[in-house]
Amino acid sequence: MVENIIITVFEIGVSVILLFKKFLIPFLRKYVEKKRKKQILLFVLKSKETGDF
């Protein structure tokens, strides 16, 4: 009985991890890229204003 519970918990954990990898990692990657692009744009705008570009 206890072994069955452990196995099902393990299976749920594995499927959650797989879903996490499938959906959350690409989402995080897109989010990070957006942030990086924004920072680059801000940097370019600032350097144009100050004339350091």
PDB file of N, CA and C in Angstrom:
ATOM      1  N   MET A   1       0.835  -1.207   0.000  1.00  0.00           N
ATOM      2  CA  MET A   1       0.000   0.000   0.000  1.00  0.00           C
ATOM      3  C   MET A   1       0.878   1.270   0.000  1.00  0.00           C
ATOM      4  N   VAL A   2       1.816   1.300   0.941  1.00  0.00           N
ATOM      5  CA  VAL A   2       2.695   2.469   1.019  1.00  0.00           C
ATOM      6  C   VAL A   2       3.540   2.585  -0.238  1.00  0.00           C
ATOM      7  N   GLU A   3       4.012   1.431  -0.751  1.00  0.00           N
ATOM      8  CA  GLU A   3       4.824   1.449  -1.969  1.00  0.00           C
ATOM      9  C   GLU A   3       4.048   2.025  -3.137  1.00  0.00           C
ATOM     10  N   ASN A   4       2.766   1.670  -3.260  1.00  0.00           N
ATOM     11  CA  ASN A   4       1.935   2.205  -4.352  1.00  0.00           C
ATOM     12  C   ASN A   4       1.834   3.720  -4.254  1.00  0.00           C
ATOM     13  N   ILE A   5       1.650   4.242  -3.047  1.00  0.00           N
ATOM     14  CA  ILE A   5       1.541   5.692  -2.854  1.00  0.00           C
ATOM     15  C   ILE A   5       2.851   6.354  -3.273  1.00  0.00           C
ATOM     16  N   ILE A   6       3.967   5.781  -2.864  1.00  0.00           N
ATOM     17  CA  ILE A   6       5.279   6.343  -3.204  1.00  0.00           C
ATOM     18  C   ILE A   6       5.456   6.360  -4.717  1.00  0.00           C
ATOM     19  N   ILE A   7       5.059   5.262  -5.382  1.00  0.00           N
ATOM     20  CA  ILE A   7       5.206   5.173  -6.842  1.00  0.00           C
ATOM     21  C   ILE A   7       4.356   6.236  -7.523  1.00  0.00           C
ATOM     22  N   THR A   8       3.097   6.406  -7.091  1.00  0.00           N
ATOM     23  CA  THR A   8       2.238   7.395  -7.744  1.00  0.00           C
ATOM     24  C   THR A   8       2.778   8.802  -7.506  1.00  0.00           C
ATOM     25  N   VAL A   9       3.257   9.092  -6.305  1.00  0.00           N
ATOM     26  CA  VAL A   9       3.828  10.411  -6.019  1.00  0.00           C
ATOM     27  C   VAL A   9       5.035  10.648  -6.920  1.00  0.00           C
ATOM     28  N   PHE A  10       5.865   9.608  -7.072  1.00  0.00           N
ATOM     29  CA  PHE A  10       7.047   9.704  -7.924  1.00  0.00           C
ATOM     30  C   PHE A  10       6.635   9.976  -9.369  1.00  0.00           C
ATOM     31  N   GLU A  11       5.619   9.247  -9.855  1.00  0.00           N
ATOM     32  CA  GLU A  11       5.151   9.439 -11.236  1.00  0.00           C
ATOM     33  C   GLU A  11       4.611  10.848 -11.443  1.00  0.00           C
ATOM     34  N   ILE A  12       3.836  11.334 -10.469  1.00  0.00           N
ATOM     35  CA  ILE A  12       3.300  12.699 -10.571  1.00  0.00           C
ATOM     36  C   ILE A  12       4.454  13.691 -10.601  1.00  0.00           C
ATOM     37  N   GLY A  13       5.441  13.465  -9.737  1.00  0.00           N
ATOM     38  CA  GLY A  13       6.607  14.348  -9.702  1.00  0.00           C
ATOM     39  C   GLY A  13       7.324  14.386 -11.042  1.00  0.00           C
ATOM     40  N   VAL A  14       7.505  13.197 -11.638  1.00  0.00           N
ATOM     41  CA  VAL A  14       8.192  13.124 -12.933  1.00  0.00           C
ATOM     42  C   VAL A  14       7.401  13.863 -14.003  1.00  0.00           C
ATOM     43  N   SER A  15       6.082  13.652 -14.037  1.00  0.00           N
ATOM     44  CA  SER A  15       5.276  14.316 -15.070  1.00  0.00           C
ATOM     45  C   SER A  15       5.267  15.820 -14.863  1.00  0.00           C
ATOM     46  N   VAL A  16       5.259  16.261 -13.608  1.00  0.00           N
ATOM     47  CA  VAL A  16       5.307  17.699 -13.332  1.00  0.00           C
ATOM     48  C   VAL A  16       6.631  18.280 -13.814  1.00  0.00           C
ATOM     49  N   ILE A  17       7.721  17.559 -13.553  1.00  0.00           N
ATOM     50  CA  ILE A  17       9.039  18.030 -13.993  1.00  0.00           C
ATOM     51  C   ILE A  17       9.089  18.111 -15.515  1.00  0.00           C
ATOM     52  N   LEU A  18       8.520  17.106 -16.196  1.00  0.00           N
ATOM     53  CA  LEU A  18       8.517  17.114 -17.657  1.00  0.00           C
ATOM     54  C   LEU A  18       7.714  18.301 -18.187  1.00  0.00           C
ATOM     55  N   LEU A  19       6.536  18.540 -17.601  1.00  0.00           N
ATOM     56  CA  LEU A  19       5.729  19.689 -18.012  1.00  0.00           C
ATOM     57  C   LEU A  19       6.497  20.980 -17.765  1.00  0.00           C
ATOM     58  N   PHE A  20       7.126  21.055 -16.604  1.00  0.00           N
ATOM     59  CA  PHE A  20       7.918  22.220 -16.217  1.00  0.00           C
ATOM     60  C   PHE A  20       8.983  22.491 -17.274  1.00  0.00           C
ATOM     61  N   LYS A  21       9.704  21.427 -17.666  1.00  0.00           N
ATOM     62  CA  LYS A  21      10.755  21.584 -18.672  1.00  0.00           C
ATOM     63  C   LYS A  21      10.151  22.004 -20.003  1.00  0.00           C
ATOM     64  N   LYS A  22       9.002  21.404 -20.353  1.00  0.00           N
ATOM     65  CA  LYS A  22       8.433  21.636 -21.679  1.00  0.00           C
ATOM     66  C   LYS A  22       7.924  23.071 -21.830  1.00  0.00           C
ATOM     67  N   PHE A  23       7.279  23.598 -20.787  1.00  0.00           N
ATOM     68  CA  PHE A  23       6.608  24.895 -20.932  1.00  0.00           C
ATOM     69  C   PHE A  23       7.346  26.037 -20.254  1.00  0.00           C
ATOM     70  N   LEU A  24       7.852  25.805 -19.051  1.00  0.00           N
ATOM     71  CA  LEU A  24       8.367  26.929 -18.281  1.00  0.00           C
ATOM     72  C   LEU A  24       9.730  27.383 -18.770  1.00  0.00           C
ATOM     73  N   ILE A  25      10.581  26.441 -19.174  1.00  0.00           N
ATOM     74  CA  ILE A  25      11.933  26.830 -19.608  1.00  0.00           C
ATOM     75  C   ILE A  25      11.881  27.698 -20.866  1.00  0.00           C
ATOM     76  N   PRO A  26      11.114  27.318 -21.916  1.00  0.00           N
ATOM     77  CA  PRO A  26      11.016  28.219 -23.081  1.00  0.00           C
ATOM     78  C   PRO A  26      10.429  29.571 -22.713  1.00  0.00           C
ATOM     79  N   PHE A  27       9.432  29.567 -21.800  1.00  0.00           N
ATOM     80  CA  PHE A  27       8.818  30.820 -21.359  1.00  0.00           C
ATOM     81  C   PHE A  27       9.851  31.707 -20.679  1.00  0.00           C
ATOM     82  N   LEU A  28      10.631  31.103 -19.774  1.00  0.00           N
ATOM     83  CA  LEU A  28      11.667  31.864 -19.072  1.00  0.00           C
ATOM     84  C   LEU A  28      12.708  32.388 -20.060  1.00  0.00           C
ATOM     85  N   ARG A  29      13.057  31.563 -21.044  1.00  0.00           N
ATOM     86  CA  ARG A  29      14.056  31.983 -22.027  1.00  0.00           C
ATOM     87  C   ARG A  29      13.553  33.203 -22.801  1.00  0.00           C
ATOM     88  N   LYS A  30      12.282  33.164 -23.238  1.00  0.00           N
ATOM     89  CA  LYS A  30      11.705  34.300 -23.962  1.00  0.00           C
ATOM     90  C   LYS A  30      11.707  35.542 -23.084  1.00  0.00           C
ATOM     91  N   TYR A  31      11.327  35.363 -21.802  1.00  0.00           N
ATOM     92  CA  TYR A  31      11.259  36.481 -20.875  1.00  0.00           C
ATOM     93  C   TYR A  31      12.638  37.122 -20.711  1.00  0.00           C
ATOM     94  N   VAL A  32      13.661  36.270 -20.547  1.00  0.00           N
ATOM     95  CA  VAL A  32      15.027  36.769 -20.361  1.00  0.00           C
ATOM     96  C   VAL A  32      15.489  37.501 -21.613  1.00  0.00           C
ATOM     97  N   GLU A  33      15.192  36.934 -22.784  1.00  0.00           N
ATOM     98  CA  GLU A  33      15.594  37.590 -24.031  1.00  0.00           C
ATOM     99  C   GLU A  33      14.927  38.951 -24.174  1.00  0.00           C
ATOM    100  N   LYS A  34      13.627  39.030 -23.843  1.00  0.00           N
ATOM    101  CA  LYS A  34      12.924  40.310 -23.915  1.00  0.00           C
ATOM    102  C   LYS A  34      13.591  41.333 -23.007  1.00  0.00           C
ATOM    103  N   LYS A  35      13.894  40.894 -21.773  1.00  0.00           N
ATOM    104  CA  LYS A  35      14.526  41.808 -20.823  1.00  0.00           C
ATOM    105  C   LYS A  35      15.870  42.278 -21.354  1.00  0.00           C
ATOM    106  N   ARG A  36      16.644  41.352 -21.922  1.00  0.00           N
ATOM    107  CA  ARG A  36      17.972  41.696 -22.417  1.00  0.00           C
ATOM    108  C   ARG A  36      17.845  42.707 -23.564  1.00  0.00           C
ATOM    109  N   LYS A  37      16.896  42.475 -24.477  1.00  0.00           N
ATOM    110  CA  LYS A  37      16.699  43.394 -25.598  1.00  0.00           C
ATOM    111  C   LYS A  37      16.334  44.782 -25.086  1.00  0.00           C
ATOM    112  N   LYS A  38      15.465  44.814 -24.062  1.00  0.00           N
ATOM    113  CA  LYS A  38      15.071  46.101 -23.492  1.00  0.00           C
ATOM    114  C   LYS A  38      16.280  46.820 -22.930  1.00  0.00           C
ATOM    115  N   GLN A  39      17.122  46.090 -22.209  1.00  0.00           N
ATOM    116  CA  GLN A  39      18.314  46.704 -21.610  1.00  0.00           C
ATOM    117  C   GLN A  39      19.246  47.222 -22.692  1.00  0.00           C
ATOM    118  N   ILE A  40      19.400  46.440 -23.770  1.00  0.00           N
ATOM    119  CA  ILE A  40      20.266  46.877 -24.874  1.00  0.00           C
ATOM    120  C   ILE A  40      19.702  48.151 -25.503  1.00  0.00           C
ATOM    121  N   LEU A  41      18.386  48.183 -25.724  1.00  0.00           N
ATOM    122  CA  LEU A  41      17.761  49.375 -26.301  1.00  0.00           C
ATOM    123  C   LEU A  41      17.972  50.582 -25.395  1.00  0.00           C
ATOM    124  N   LEU A  42      17.754  50.384 -24.085  1.00  0.00           N
ATOM    125  CA  LEU A  42      17.943  51.491 -23.145  1.00  0.00           C
ATOM    126  C   LEU A  42      19.386  51.979 -23.179  1.00  0.00           C
ATOM    127  N   PHE A  43      20.326  51.040 -23.234  1.00  0.00           N
ATOM    128  CA  PHE A  43      21.744  51.395 -23.278  1.00  0.00           C
ATOM    129  C   PHE A  43      22.053  52.215 -24.530  1.00  0.00           C
ATOM    130  N   VAL A  44      21.512  51.769 -25.676  1.00  0.00           N
ATOM    131  CA  VAL A  44      21.751  52.483 -26.937  1.00  0.00           C
ATOM    132  C   VAL A  44      21.169  53.885 -26.859  1.00  0.00           C
ATOM    133  N   LEU A  45      19.946  54.000 -26.326  1.00  0.00           N
ATOM    134  CA  LEU A  45      19.315  55.313 -26.224  1.00  0.00           C
ATOM    135  C   LEU A  45      20.120  56.224 -25.300  1.00  0.00           C
ATOM    136  N   LYS A  46      20.554  55.687 -24.166  1.00  0.00           N
ATOM    137  CA  LYS A  46      21.330  56.500 -23.221  1.00  0.00           C
ATOM    138  C   LYS A  46      22.634  56.956 -23.853  1.00  0.00           C
ATOM    139  N   SER A  47      23.321  56.049 -24.550  1.00  0.00           N
ATOM    140  CA  SER A  47      24.618  56.419 -25.119  1.00  0.00           C
ATOM    141  C   SER A  47      24.434  57.416 -26.268  1.00  0.00           C
ATOM    142  N   LYS A  48      23.293  57.357 -26.959  1.00  0.00           N
ATOM    143  CA  LYS A  48      23.033  58.350 -28.006  1.00  0.00           C
ATOM    144  C   LYS A  48      22.836  59.729 -27.366  1.00  0.00           C
ATOM    145  N   GLU A  49      22.128  59.750 -26.224  1.00  0.00           N
ATOM    146  CA  GLU A  49      21.875  61.024 -25.547  1.00  0.00           C
ATOM    147  C   GLU A  49      23.178  61.647 -25.052  1.00  0.00           C
ATOM    148  N   THR A  50      24.045  60.810 -24.467  1.00  0.00           N
ATOM    149  CA  THR A  50      25.271  61.350 -23.881  1.00  0.00           C
ATOM    150  C   THR A  50      26.382  61.487 -24.923  1.00  0.00           C
ATOM    151  N   GLY A  51      26.227  60.835 -26.060  1.00  0.00           N
ATOM    152  CA  GLY A  51      27.229  60.928 -27.118  1.00  0.00           C
ATOM    153  C   GLY A  51      28.394  59.966 -26.928  1.00  0.00           C
ATOM    154  N   ASP A  52      28.165  58.899 -26.144  1.00  0.00           N
ATOM    155  CA  ASP A  52      29.237  57.911 -25.927  1.00  0.00           C
ATOM    156  C   ASP A  52      29.213  56.825 -26.989  1.00  0.00           C
ATOM    157  N   PHE A  53      28.218  56.843 -27.827  1.00  0.00           N
ATOM    158  CA  PHE A  53      28.036  55.716 -28.749  1.00  0.00           C
ATOM    159  C   PHE A  53      29.106  55.710 -29.819  1.00  0.00           C
TER     160      PHE A  53
END
